[in-house]
Amino acid sequence: MRRPSLARAGTMFTALAATVVLLSGCAATTDSATDASGVTSGLVGKQPDGGEPTSGGTLSYATLSGISSLDPVNRQDSGATGGSEMAAIYDLLIRYDTDAKEYKPQLAQSLAVNGDNTVWTLKLRPDAKFSDGTPLDADAVQWSINRYLEKNGLQTQVWKASVADMTSPDPATVVFTLKQPWNEFPIMFTTGPGMIVAPSSMATGTFTPVGAGPFTVEKFASQEELVLAASSTYWNGQPRLAKLRFPVIQGEQAKLEALHSGGIDAAYVRRSEAVHNALAAGDIGYIHTVSLGTIGLINQREGRAASDERVRKAIVAAINPAVYNERAEDGYGMPGSDMFQSWSQWHGTVAAAGYDPEAAKKYLAEAKADGFDGKLTYVGSNSAETQRNALAYQSMLQAVGFTVEISYSPSITDLVKRLYADHDFDVAHGGFSVLEESPFVRMYGNFHSESPSNVLGYKNAEMDQLLAQLQTAPNDADRLAVLEKVQTLVNDTAPLATIGAGKVLVTWRKNVHEITPSADGIMLFGNAWLAADSGS
């Protein structure tokens, strides 16, 4: 098995706000058939030979948006929403090697598993310590993970459903005993639980970002910039970069212009047209593609119109991914109704129940005959880009007989509250960004009946059973078989409208070397360096 081969030899609201910043305002990105790379995941472009690595300099990386907290418990910890920034401060216990497609030790020295994937033994590096000089030992790891769970970090629900016990037989070892077999358990250490915060971070009662990563915090001005300085105590040696800077730049075209002019050295680009333009211009970097990157969220809670399965099926059948792609994404998206498209290793033989306007009209007529008035409220954020999303939904739904009122929230915070706290919507635009490296985590968070991240209000005992089977599947073939059953159940119950996959490009100037991708678009900068500037 590829991904689980590692070392077999040896508060919630803030997080959801970050998720909506990523998903509700951004169209999914460009199809490998229409861009200049033909790559769905991996490095793109020709990287010039920079010669021998050099030390010094500041690398500036404009991520998707500014962050308001450096505490892993307060954020969705993906590459789009603070994951790269936090990994630079705290490191990751485990990283995902995107070339080898397997998990590898990072801050940890090793991670070994027993024969049935229920007991995982983490060994810590003897030379690892926090930037304040305190030891990164088993007690510190347990303290950090327990704090993450107590404060309901985004991965808490999956962790508590999966981990029965965490013990330390000695200061260099932490043993995790699972409730059921899970051969992709290492994915948890590539994200929030694997970002180890020093116990001294709470010495004053107010959180201070103290980690064991390659950089320490020099300046943090929320929504302006984050500046990090190289740590002389890093376990892998002092980083080659003197500083790592994360400036806040609004607008993806503005990021590309800054990149090409030399104002920044790297940029996170998600919108379809911007990704296409960057690849067409010959920019280099790393592409990260996810399934269910663009979806129509359908609120099926009791009292909402879509609690009626016929209404949900009418919504799904009314949505034409190709039309949405043209109207909202300028034709550069990855449209399709399958949860996992043909490029994905999880693409199976079960086709989606997608666009079918005649079926949509039939389902809607049946619901109206039983008293449904045909009215839906679409909720989105108030920007030019997201208004295009809203109008695309409205036109497609009204074409089959719905009446759609668009309600724009004045801010992302208001939108998050309306979707995730108040559940005051019928339809909205979003994405689940299901990872190729481990589909279970995002599938569980978004579909399980008891998940607090389940914005759909979807409660289905059969889905819960399938998710349990997905987690315990011993190999990729069994995992794929479960996901085919999931597609079948989604066809039958219509919990969401799948519109397309999503592609992200992290692009950098040609004098930038050895940025290391990990899972979920998180980029690691411990080995990065800058050659003499040879232009963008």
Protein backbone atom coordinates (compact mmCIF):
# COMPACT_ATOMS: atom_id res chain seq x y z
CA MET A 1 0.00 0.00 0.00
CA ARG A 2 1.34 3.38 -0.94
CA ARG A 3 0.07 5.95 1.51
CA PRO A 4 0.15 3.86 4.72
CA SER A 5 3.66 2.51 4.03
CA LEU A 6 5.22 5.01 6.48
CA ALA A 7 7.70 3.53 8.98
CA ARG A 8 6.48 -0.01 8.83
CA ALA A 9 10.17 -0.73 9.06
CA GLY A 10 11.26 0.90 12.09
CA THR A 11 -13.06 27.70 18.41
CA MET A 12 -14.92 25.49 15.69
CA PHE A 13 -16.63 28.63 14.46
CA THR A 14 -13.35 30.31 13.49
CA ALA A 15 -12.31 27.17 11.66
CA LEU A 16 -15.57 27.10 9.74
CA ALA A 17 -15.14 30.75 8.88
CA ALA A 18 -11.79 29.90 7.32
CA THR A 19 -13.46 27.10 5.38
CA VAL A 20 -16.09 29.43 3.93
CA VAL A 21 -13.46 32.01 2.98
CA LEU A 22 -11.85 29.27 0.96
CA LEU A 23 -14.94 27.74 -0.56
CA SER A 24 -17.92 30.05 -0.82
CA GLY A 25 -16.13 32.86 -2.54
CA CYS A 26 -13.87 30.86 -4.83
CA ALA A 27 -14.78 29.06 -7.97
CA ALA A 28 -13.15 25.71 -8.38
CA THR A 29 -10.15 25.69 -10.61
CA THR A 30 -8.92 24.66 -13.98
CA ASP A 31 -9.36 21.32 -15.77
CA SER A 32 -6.18 19.50 -16.71
CA ALA A 33 -7.62 19.14 -20.19
CA THR A 34 -7.79 22.91 -20.66
CA ASP A 35 -4.67 24.20 -18.96
CA ALA A 36 -1.08 24.21 -20.07
CA SER A 37 0.14 21.49 -17.73
CA GLY A 38 -2.03 18.39 -18.04
CA VAL A 39 -1.17 17.77 -14.36
CA THR A 40 -3.72 17.12 -11.63
CA SER A 41 -1.22 16.90 -8.76
CA GLY A 42 2.51 17.55 -8.79
CA LEU A 43 5.15 19.98 -9.95
CA VAL A 44 4.61 21.96 -13.14
CA GLY A 45 6.98 23.98 -15.28
CA LYS A 46 10.72 23.88 -15.80
CA GLN A 47 12.72 24.81 -12.70
CA PRO A 48 16.15 26.23 -13.64
CA ASP A 49 19.21 24.81 -11.93
CA GLY A 50 20.07 27.30 -9.22
CA GLY A 51 23.50 25.88 -8.47
CA GLU A 52 24.59 25.30 -4.90
CA PRO A 53 22.05 26.26 -2.22
CA THR A 54 22.66 29.64 -0.67
CA SER A 55 21.73 31.10 2.71
CA GLY A 56 19.98 34.33 3.53
CA GLY A 57 17.21 36.44 2.08
CA THR A 58 13.48 36.75 2.65
CA LEU A 59 10.92 34.66 0.79
CA SER A 60 7.50 36.31 0.50
CA TYR A 61 4.51 33.99 -0.02
CA ALA A 62 1.02 35.43 -0.57
CA THR A 63 -1.44 32.75 0.52
CA LEU A 64 -5.17 32.67 -0.18
CA SER A 65 -6.08 35.22 2.47
CA GLY A 66 -4.80 36.74 5.69
CA ILE A 67 -5.14 34.85 8.94
CA SER A 68 -6.31 36.13 12.31
CA SER A 69 -4.78 33.50 14.61
CA LEU A 70 -1.61 31.39 14.81
CA ASP A 71 -3.19 28.88 17.16
CA PRO A 72 -3.94 25.52 15.43
CA VAL A 73 -7.09 25.08 17.51
CA ASN A 74 -8.66 28.18 15.94
CA ARG A 75 -8.27 27.35 12.26
CA GLN A 76 -8.97 24.95 9.49
CA ASP A 77 -5.41 23.84 9.03
CA SER A 78 -5.19 23.43 5.24
CA GLY A 79 -2.72 25.11 2.93
CA ALA A 80 -5.34 27.67 2.01
CA THR A 81 -6.24 28.68 5.53
CA GLY A 82 -3.07 29.04 7.58
CA GLY A 83 -1.60 25.55 7.35
CA SER A 84 1.65 26.63 5.72
CA GLU A 85 2.11 29.49 8.17
CA MET A 86 1.54 27.25 11.18
CA ALA A 87 3.71 24.42 9.82
CA ALA A 88 6.56 26.91 9.53
CA ILE A 89 6.20 27.71 13.25
CA TYR A 90 5.27 24.30 14.70
CA ASP A 91 6.41 21.87 11.98
CA LEU A 92 4.41 18.68 11.32
CA LEU A 93 4.93 15.39 13.09
CA ILE A 94 4.40 13.68 9.74
CA ARG A 95 4.46 15.01 6.20
CA TYR A 96 2.88 13.56 3.10
CA ASP A 97 5.39 12.95 0.30
CA THR A 98 3.45 13.97 -2.78
CA ASP A 99 5.90 12.30 -5.17
CA ALA A 100 6.17 8.95 -3.39
CA LYS A 101 2.51 9.15 -2.28
CA GLU A 102 3.32 8.03 1.23
CA TYR A 103 3.64 9.46 4.71
CA LYS A 104 7.11 10.22 6.03
CA PRO A 105 8.46 11.37 9.40
CA GLN A 106 9.06 15.08 9.76
CA LEU A 107 9.23 16.38 13.32
CA ALA A 108 8.74 12.78 14.47
CA GLN A 109 11.57 10.30 13.97
CA SER A 110 9.29 7.41 13.02
CA LEU A 111 5.74 6.12 13.13
CA ALA A 112 5.22 2.35 13.21
CA VAL A 113 2.01 0.31 13.25
CA ASN A 114 0.99 -3.14 14.40
CA GLY A 115 -0.36 -5.82 12.09
CA ASP A 116 -4.03 -4.78 12.09
CA ASN A 117 -3.58 -0.98 11.96
CA THR A 118 -4.94 -0.39 15.46
CA VAL A 119 -1.80 0.56 17.44
CA TRP A 120 0.54 3.28 16.18
CA THR A 121 3.84 4.03 17.89
CA LEU A 122 5.34 7.48 17.42
CA LYS A 123 9.06 7.97 18.17
CA LEU A 124 10.33 11.51 18.68
CA ARG A 125 13.64 12.92 17.50
CA PRO A 126 16.17 13.15 20.33
CA ASP A 127 17.41 16.52 19.02
CA ALA A 128 13.99 18.18 18.67
CA LYS A 129 13.13 21.01 21.02
CA PHE A 130 10.94 24.05 21.06
CA SER A 131 12.26 27.47 20.15
CA ASP A 132 12.25 28.46 23.83
CA GLY A 133 14.67 25.61 24.59
CA THR A 134 12.17 23.32 26.32
CA PRO A 135 12.16 19.65 25.24
CA LEU A 136 9.77 18.32 22.66
CA ASP A 137 9.07 15.08 24.49
CA ALA A 138 6.13 12.71 24.86
CA ASP A 139 4.54 14.81 27.60
CA ALA A 140 4.63 17.88 25.37
CA VAL A 141 3.08 15.99 22.45
CA GLN A 142 0.27 14.68 24.65
CA TRP A 143 -0.29 18.14 26.16
CA SER A 144 -0.54 19.74 22.72
CA ILE A 145 -2.92 17.13 21.31
CA ASN A 146 -5.11 17.15 24.42
CA ARG A 147 -5.31 20.94 24.28
CA TYR A 148 -6.30 20.71 20.60
CA LEU A 149 -9.10 18.29 21.50
CA GLU A 150 -10.29 20.23 24.56
CA LYS A 151 -10.62 23.37 22.48
CA ASN A 152 -12.39 21.54 19.64
CA GLY A 153 -9.85 21.97 16.86
CA LEU A 154 -11.30 21.12 13.46
CA GLN A 155 -10.11 17.48 13.49
CA THR A 156 -11.48 16.80 16.98
CA GLN A 157 -14.57 14.90 15.85
CA VAL A 158 -12.58 12.48 13.66
CA TRP A 159 -9.95 12.03 16.38
CA LYS A 160 -12.45 11.26 19.13
CA ALA A 161 -14.31 8.84 16.89
CA SER A 162 -11.07 7.06 16.05
CA VAL A 163 -8.61 7.14 18.98
CA ALA A 164 -9.31 5.11 22.12
CA ASP A 165 -6.15 5.89 24.08
CA MET A 166 -2.89 7.85 23.99
CA THR A 167 -0.04 6.77 26.29
CA SER A 168 3.69 7.39 26.73
CA PRO A 169 5.83 4.43 27.86
CA ASP A 170 8.91 6.67 27.85
CA PRO A 171 9.78 10.34 27.13
CA ALA A 172 10.56 9.62 23.48
CA THR A 173 7.48 7.54 22.64
CA VAL A 174 3.75 8.13 22.25
CA VAL A 175 1.45 5.17 21.56
CA PHE A 176 -1.98 5.68 19.97
CA THR A 177 -4.53 2.87 20.28
CA LEU A 178 -7.43 3.17 17.84
CA LYS A 179 -11.04 2.11 18.25
CA GLN A 180 -10.96 0.41 14.85
CA PRO A 181 -8.33 -0.31 12.18
CA TRP A 182 -7.30 2.72 10.14
CA ASN A 183 -4.30 2.47 7.85
CA GLU A 184 -4.45 6.18 6.96
CA PHE A 185 -4.22 7.38 10.55
CA PRO A 186 -0.96 9.26 9.74
CA ILE A 187 -3.04 11.88 7.90
CA MET A 188 -4.00 13.22 11.34
CA PHE A 189 -0.37 14.19 12.02
CA THR A 190 -0.06 16.17 8.77
CA THR A 191 -2.64 18.63 10.05
CA GLY A 192 -3.75 20.30 13.32
CA PRO A 193 -3.04 17.47 15.81
CA GLY A 194 0.44 17.13 14.27
CA MET A 195 1.28 20.81 14.79
CA ILE A 196 2.81 20.54 18.26
CA VAL A 197 2.44 23.64 20.42
CA ALA A 198 4.84 24.07 23.36
CA PRO A 199 3.26 23.86 26.84
CA SER A 200 5.03 27.16 27.56
CA SER A 201 2.78 28.81 24.98
CA MET A 202 0.19 29.17 27.76
CA ALA A 203 2.61 30.17 30.53
CA THR A 204 1.06 33.62 30.89
CA GLY A 205 -2.51 32.44 30.40
CA THR A 206 -2.62 34.07 26.95
CA PHE A 207 -1.59 32.04 23.93
CA THR A 208 1.88 32.73 22.49
CA PRO A 209 2.97 30.84 19.35
CA VAL A 210 5.90 28.69 20.53
CA GLY A 211 6.78 25.70 18.37
CA ALA A 212 9.60 23.47 17.18
CA GLY A 213 9.41 24.45 13.53
CA PRO A 214 12.03 26.05 11.31
CA PHE A 215 10.87 29.62 12.02
CA THR A 216 9.77 31.79 14.91
CA VAL A 217 7.35 34.72 14.92
CA GLU A 218 8.96 38.13 14.45
CA LYS A 219 5.86 40.14 13.55
CA PHE A 220 2.18 39.30 13.30
CA ALA A 221 -0.18 41.99 12.05
CA SER A 222 -3.47 40.25 11.33
CA GLN A 223 -4.76 40.84 7.79
CA GLU A 224 -1.56 42.73 6.95
CA GLU A 225 1.47 40.44 7.18
CA LEU A 226 3.17 37.70 9.15
CA VAL A 227 6.98 37.76 9.32
CA LEU A 228 8.93 34.75 10.58
CA ALA A 229 12.65 34.51 11.38
CA ALA A 230 14.86 31.43 10.99
CA SER A 231 15.18 29.36 14.17
CA SER A 232 18.71 28.43 15.26
CA THR A 233 17.31 25.51 17.30
CA TYR A 234 15.50 23.69 14.47
CA TRP A 235 16.10 19.93 14.57
CA ASN A 236 17.10 19.81 10.90
CA GLY A 237 19.55 22.70 11.17
CA GLN A 238 18.98 26.41 10.77
CA PRO A 239 16.89 27.12 7.66
CA ARG A 240 18.65 28.60 4.65
CA LEU A 241 16.18 31.47 4.48
CA ALA A 242 16.75 34.28 6.94
CA LYS A 243 13.08 35.21 6.95
CA LEU A 244 9.74 33.97 5.65
CA ARG A 245 7.05 36.55 5.01
CA PHE A 246 3.33 36.10 4.39
CA PRO A 247 1.90 39.38 3.05
CA VAL A 248 -1.84 39.82 2.55
CA ILE A 249 -2.71 40.63 -1.07
CA GLN A 250 -6.36 40.87 -2.10
CA GLY A 251 -7.24 39.41 -5.49
CA GLU A 252 -5.56 36.63 -7.36
CA GLN A 253 -4.63 38.65 -10.41
CA ALA A 254 -2.96 41.14 -8.08
CA LYS A 255 -0.93 38.26 -6.61
CA LEU A 256 0.23 37.16 -10.05
CA GLU A 257 1.19 40.71 -10.97
CA ALA A 258 3.20 41.00 -7.75
CA LEU A 259 4.85 37.67 -8.48
CA HIS A 260 5.83 38.63 -12.02
CA SER A 261 7.15 42.02 -10.93
CA GLY A 262 9.24 40.54 -8.13
CA GLY A 263 7.14 42.03 -5.34
CA ILE A 264 6.57 38.54 -3.91
CA ASP A 265 8.27 35.20 -4.48
CA ALA A 266 5.33 32.77 -4.30
CA ALA A 267 1.54 32.87 -4.49
CA TYR A 268 -1.45 30.66 -3.72
CA VAL A 269 -3.87 30.82 -6.67
CA ARG A 270 -7.28 29.16 -6.72
CA ARG A 271 -9.65 30.94 -9.09
CA SER A 272 -10.01 29.22 -12.44
CA GLU A 273 -9.00 32.05 -14.73
CA ALA A 274 -5.98 32.99 -12.61
CA VAL A 275 -4.70 29.40 -12.54
CA HIS A 276 -5.18 29.13 -16.29
CA ASN A 277 -3.39 32.41 -16.94
CA ALA A 278 -0.46 31.46 -14.73
CA LEU A 279 0.02 28.08 -16.40
CA ALA A 280 -0.44 29.53 -19.88
CA ALA A 281 2.28 32.09 -19.05
CA GLY A 282 4.68 29.28 -18.17
CA ASP A 283 4.73 29.88 -14.42
CA ILE A 284 6.19 27.07 -12.34
CA GLY A 285 4.97 25.60 -9.08
CA TYR A 286 2.89 22.85 -7.53
CA ILE A 287 -0.66 21.80 -8.48
CA HIS A 288 -3.01 20.34 -5.89
CA THR A 289 -6.38 18.95 -7.04
CA VAL A 290 -9.31 17.92 -4.85
CA SER A 291 -12.62 16.18 -5.43
CA LEU A 292 -15.93 17.88 -4.59
CA GLY A 293 -14.18 21.21 -4.96
CA THR A 294 -17.34 22.93 -6.21
CA ILE A 295 -20.74 21.88 -4.92
CA GLY A 296 -24.23 23.15 -4.31
CA LEU A 297 -24.97 22.93 -0.57
CA ILE A 298 -28.56 21.81 0.09
CA ASN A 299 -30.00 22.39 3.57
CA GLN A 300 -32.19 19.37 4.30
CA ARG A 301 -32.96 20.03 7.96
CA GLU A 302 -36.49 19.64 9.25
CA GLY A 303 -38.61 22.62 8.27
CA ARG A 304 -36.59 23.48 5.15
CA ALA A 305 -37.92 22.86 1.65
CA ALA A 306 -35.21 20.30 0.88
CA SER A 307 -36.18 18.07 3.79
CA ASP A 308 -38.40 16.66 1.03
CA GLU A 309 -36.21 14.28 -0.98
CA ARG A 310 -38.08 15.21 -4.17
CA VAL A 311 -37.04 18.84 -3.76
CA ARG A 312 -33.40 17.78 -3.27
CA LYS A 313 -33.52 15.57 -6.34
CA ALA A 314 -35.05 18.42 -8.35
CA ILE A 315 -32.24 20.75 -7.27
CA VAL A 316 -29.55 18.23 -8.19
CA ALA A 317 -31.13 17.46 -11.56
CA ALA A 318 -31.45 21.19 -12.35
CA ILE A 319 -27.75 21.96 -11.93
CA ASN A 320 -25.73 21.71 -15.15
CA PRO A 321 -21.99 21.69 -14.28
CA ALA A 322 -21.03 22.72 -17.82
CA VAL A 323 -23.32 25.77 -17.71
CA TYR A 324 -22.03 26.74 -14.26
CA ASN A 325 -18.48 26.41 -15.57
CA GLU A 326 -19.14 28.82 -18.42
CA ARG A 327 -21.11 31.38 -16.41
CA ALA A 328 -19.15 31.43 -13.16
CA GLU A 329 -15.70 30.14 -14.07
CA ASP A 330 -15.11 31.46 -17.60
CA GLY A 331 -14.91 27.90 -18.93
CA TYR A 332 -11.74 27.05 -17.01
CA GLY A 333 -13.22 24.84 -14.29
CA MET A 334 -13.33 21.07 -13.84
CA PRO A 335 -17.07 20.49 -14.30
CA GLY A 336 -18.76 17.17 -13.66
CA SER A 337 -21.45 15.55 -11.55
CA ASP A 338 -19.35 12.58 -10.36
CA MET A 339 -18.10 12.96 -6.81
CA PHE A 340 -14.74 11.60 -8.01
CA GLN A 341 -13.88 12.44 -11.61
CA SER A 342 -11.90 10.33 -14.08
CA TRP A 343 -8.55 11.84 -13.04
CA SER A 344 -9.05 10.61 -9.46
CA GLN A 345 -7.88 7.21 -8.24
CA TRP A 346 -11.25 7.03 -6.46
CA HIS A 347 -13.25 7.28 -9.70
CA GLY A 348 -15.44 4.20 -9.88
CA THR A 349 -17.96 2.57 -12.20
CA VAL A 350 -21.06 4.21 -10.68
CA ALA A 351 -22.09 7.31 -12.60
CA ALA A 352 -23.65 10.25 -10.81
CA ALA A 353 -27.31 11.14 -11.06
CA GLY A 354 -26.52 14.52 -12.52
CA TYR A 355 -28.13 17.08 -14.79
CA ASP A 356 -31.56 16.01 -16.04
CA PRO A 357 -33.96 18.95 -16.46
CA GLU A 358 -36.98 16.79 -17.29
CA ALA A 359 -36.46 14.74 -14.14
CA ALA A 360 -36.04 17.99 -12.18
CA LYS A 361 -39.39 19.27 -13.45
CA LYS A 362 -41.07 15.96 -12.57
CA TYR A 363 -39.72 15.88 -9.01
CA LEU A 364 -40.62 19.53 -8.49
CA ALA A 365 -44.15 19.03 -9.83
CA GLU A 366 -44.67 16.14 -7.41
CA ALA A 367 -43.50 18.25 -4.48
CA LYS A 368 -45.70 21.17 -5.53
CA ALA A 369 -48.69 18.85 -5.81
CA ASP A 370 -48.20 18.10 -2.12
CA GLY A 371 -48.09 21.77 -1.13
CA PHE A 372 -44.51 22.98 -1.78
CA ASP A 373 -44.60 26.55 -3.07
CA GLY A 374 -41.44 26.18 -5.18
CA LYS A 375 -39.51 28.89 -3.34
CA LEU A 376 -35.84 28.59 -2.35
CA THR A 377 -33.44 31.04 -0.71
CA TYR A 378 -29.88 31.06 -2.03
CA VAL A 379 -27.38 32.56 0.42
CA GLY A 380 -23.95 33.87 -0.59
CA SER A 381 -21.41 36.56 0.16
CA ASN A 382 -21.63 40.00 -1.41
CA SER A 383 -18.79 40.31 -3.91
CA ALA A 384 -18.66 40.54 -7.68
CA GLU A 385 -17.18 37.06 -8.01
CA THR A 386 -19.68 35.35 -5.72
CA GLN A 387 -22.58 37.19 -7.29
CA ARG A 388 -21.73 35.35 -10.51
CA ASN A 389 -22.07 32.08 -8.59
CA ALA A 390 -25.45 33.13 -7.22
CA LEU A 391 -26.85 34.19 -10.58
CA ALA A 392 -25.73 30.91 -12.18
CA TYR A 393 -27.59 28.91 -9.53
CA GLN A 394 -30.66 31.12 -9.77
CA SER A 395 -30.96 30.83 -13.54
CA MET A 396 -30.55 27.04 -13.60
CA LEU A 397 -33.02 26.43 -10.78
CA GLN A 398 -35.62 28.83 -12.15
CA ALA A 399 -35.34 27.19 -15.57
CA VAL A 400 -37.00 24.06 -14.15
CA GLY A 401 -39.66 25.91 -12.15
CA PHE A 402 -38.18 26.99 -8.83
CA THR A 403 -38.46 30.57 -7.60
CA VAL A 404 -35.09 31.57 -6.15
CA GLU A 405 -34.47 34.56 -3.92
CA ILE A 406 -30.80 35.52 -3.54
CA SER A 407 -29.78 36.77 -0.10
CA TYR A 408 -26.29 38.29 0.15
CA SER A 409 -24.53 38.32 3.52
CA PRO A 410 -22.54 41.51 4.17
CA SER A 411 -19.43 39.67 5.39
CA ILE A 412 -17.84 36.24 5.55
CA THR A 413 -18.51 36.17 9.30
CA ASP A 414 -22.21 36.76 8.70
CA LEU A 415 -22.25 34.10 5.98
CA VAL A 416 -20.61 31.54 8.26
CA LYS A 417 -23.10 32.25 11.01
CA ARG A 418 -26.01 31.91 8.65
CA LEU A 419 -24.79 28.61 7.14
CA TYR A 420 -23.15 26.84 10.07
CA ALA A 421 -24.80 28.29 13.17
CA ASP A 422 -28.27 29.45 12.17
CA HIS A 423 -28.69 27.02 9.23
CA ASP A 424 -30.75 29.76 7.59
CA PHE A 425 -30.54 28.88 3.88
CA ASP A 426 -31.92 26.49 1.30
CA VAL A 427 -29.06 26.49 -1.21
CA ALA A 428 -25.51 27.87 -1.08
CA HIS A 429 -22.25 27.50 -2.94
CA GLY A 430 -19.33 25.67 -1.36
CA GLY A 431 -16.90 22.80 -1.58
CA PHE A 432 -15.68 19.89 0.52
CA SER A 433 -12.16 19.59 -0.98
CA VAL A 434 -11.87 15.83 -0.48
CA LEU A 435 -8.22 14.79 -0.54
CA GLU A 436 -6.79 12.16 -2.86
CA GLU A 437 -4.35 11.09 -0.17
CA SER A 438 -7.10 10.30 2.34
CA PRO A 439 -10.74 10.77 1.33
CA PHE A 440 -12.16 9.59 4.67
CA VAL A 441 -11.41 12.67 6.79
CA ARG A 442 -13.33 15.22 4.69
CA MET A 443 -16.06 12.72 3.80
CA TYR A 444 -16.64 12.04 7.51
CA GLY A 445 -16.65 15.72 8.43
CA ASN A 446 -19.21 16.63 5.80
CA PHE A 447 -21.52 13.59 5.65
CA HIS A 448 -21.56 11.90 9.06
CA SER A 449 -24.81 12.41 10.97
CA GLU A 450 -23.04 13.54 14.15
CA SER A 451 -20.36 15.74 12.60
CA PRO A 452 -20.55 19.42 13.64
CA SER A 453 -19.15 20.30 10.19
CA ASN A 454 -22.14 18.72 8.43
CA VAL A 455 -23.58 21.92 6.97
CA LEU A 456 -26.08 19.92 4.89
CA GLY A 457 -27.93 18.57 7.93
CA TYR A 458 -27.65 15.17 6.22
CA LYS A 459 -28.50 12.30 8.56
CA ASN A 460 -28.42 8.83 7.07
CA ALA A 461 -27.56 5.65 8.98
CA GLU A 462 -26.43 3.89 5.81
CA MET A 463 -23.99 6.70 5.04
CA ASP A 464 -22.62 6.51 8.58
CA GLN A 465 -22.01 2.77 8.10
CA LEU A 466 -20.30 3.35 4.77
CA LEU A 467 -18.03 5.98 6.31
CA ALA A 468 -17.04 3.47 8.99
CA GLN A 469 -16.22 0.98 6.24
CA LEU A 470 -14.25 3.62 4.36
CA GLN A 471 -12.10 4.28 7.41
CA THR A 472 -11.35 0.61 8.10
CA ALA A 473 -10.83 -0.41 4.45
CA PRO A 474 -7.47 -2.25 4.41
CA ASN A 475 -6.42 -1.26 0.89
CA ASP A 476 -7.20 1.04 -2.01
CA ALA A 477 -9.36 -1.50 -3.85
CA ASP A 478 -11.65 -1.91 -0.84
CA ARG A 479 -11.70 1.85 -0.32
CA LEU A 480 -12.77 2.39 -3.92
CA ALA A 481 -15.53 -0.22 -3.55
CA VAL A 482 -16.92 1.68 -0.55
CA LEU A 483 -16.80 5.00 -2.40
CA GLU A 484 -18.80 3.46 -5.24
CA LYS A 485 -21.49 2.57 -2.69
CA VAL A 486 -21.30 6.14 -1.38
CA GLN A 487 -21.93 7.47 -4.90
CA THR A 488 -24.91 5.15 -5.24
CA LEU A 489 -26.36 6.37 -1.94
CA VAL A 490 -25.78 10.00 -2.92
CA ASN A 491 -27.61 9.31 -6.19
CA ASP A 492 -30.56 7.89 -4.21
CA THR A 493 -30.78 10.54 -1.49
CA ALA A 494 -29.50 13.72 -3.21
CA PRO A 495 -27.77 15.43 -0.26
CA LEU A 496 -25.83 17.85 -2.48
CA ALA A 497 -25.29 18.91 -6.07
CA THR A 498 -21.80 18.04 -7.30
CA ILE A 499 -20.61 20.65 -9.81
CA GLY A 500 -16.89 19.98 -10.18
CA ALA A 501 -13.46 19.31 -8.79
CA GLY A 502 -11.02 22.01 -7.71
CA LYS A 503 -7.44 22.72 -8.69
CA VAL A 504 -5.04 24.97 -6.78
CA LEU A 505 -1.70 26.27 -8.00
CA VAL A 506 1.06 27.33 -5.63
CA THR A 507 3.38 29.16 -7.99
CA TRP A 508 6.81 30.66 -7.38
CA ARG A 509 9.53 32.60 -9.13
CA LYS A 510 12.24 30.61 -10.88
CA ASN A 511 14.90 31.57 -8.36
CA VAL A 512 12.94 29.85 -5.56
CA HIS A 513 14.07 26.33 -4.73
CA GLU A 514 13.06 23.40 -2.50
CA ILE A 515 9.63 24.40 -1.27
CA THR A 516 8.26 21.02 -0.13
CA PRO A 517 4.56 20.17 -0.59
CA SER A 518 2.74 18.11 2.03
CA ALA A 519 -0.90 17.04 2.34
CA ASP A 520 -3.80 19.40 1.63
CA GLY A 521 -1.73 22.10 -0.05
CA ILE A 522 0.46 22.78 3.00
CA MET A 523 3.91 23.94 1.88
CA LEU A 524 7.06 23.44 3.98
CA PHE A 525 9.90 25.98 3.88
CA GLY A 526 12.56 24.43 6.12
CA ASN A 527 14.80 23.59 3.13
CA ALA A 528 13.78 26.46 0.82
CA TRP A 529 16.38 28.84 -0.57
CA LEU A 530 16.72 31.71 -3.03
CA ALA A 531 19.15 31.72 -5.93
CA ALA A 532 20.30 34.90 -7.61
CA ASP A 533 17.20 36.41 -9.19
CA SER A 534 16.82 35.22 -12.79
CA GLY A 535 13.40 36.77 -13.32
CA SER A 536 9.92 35.35 -12.87
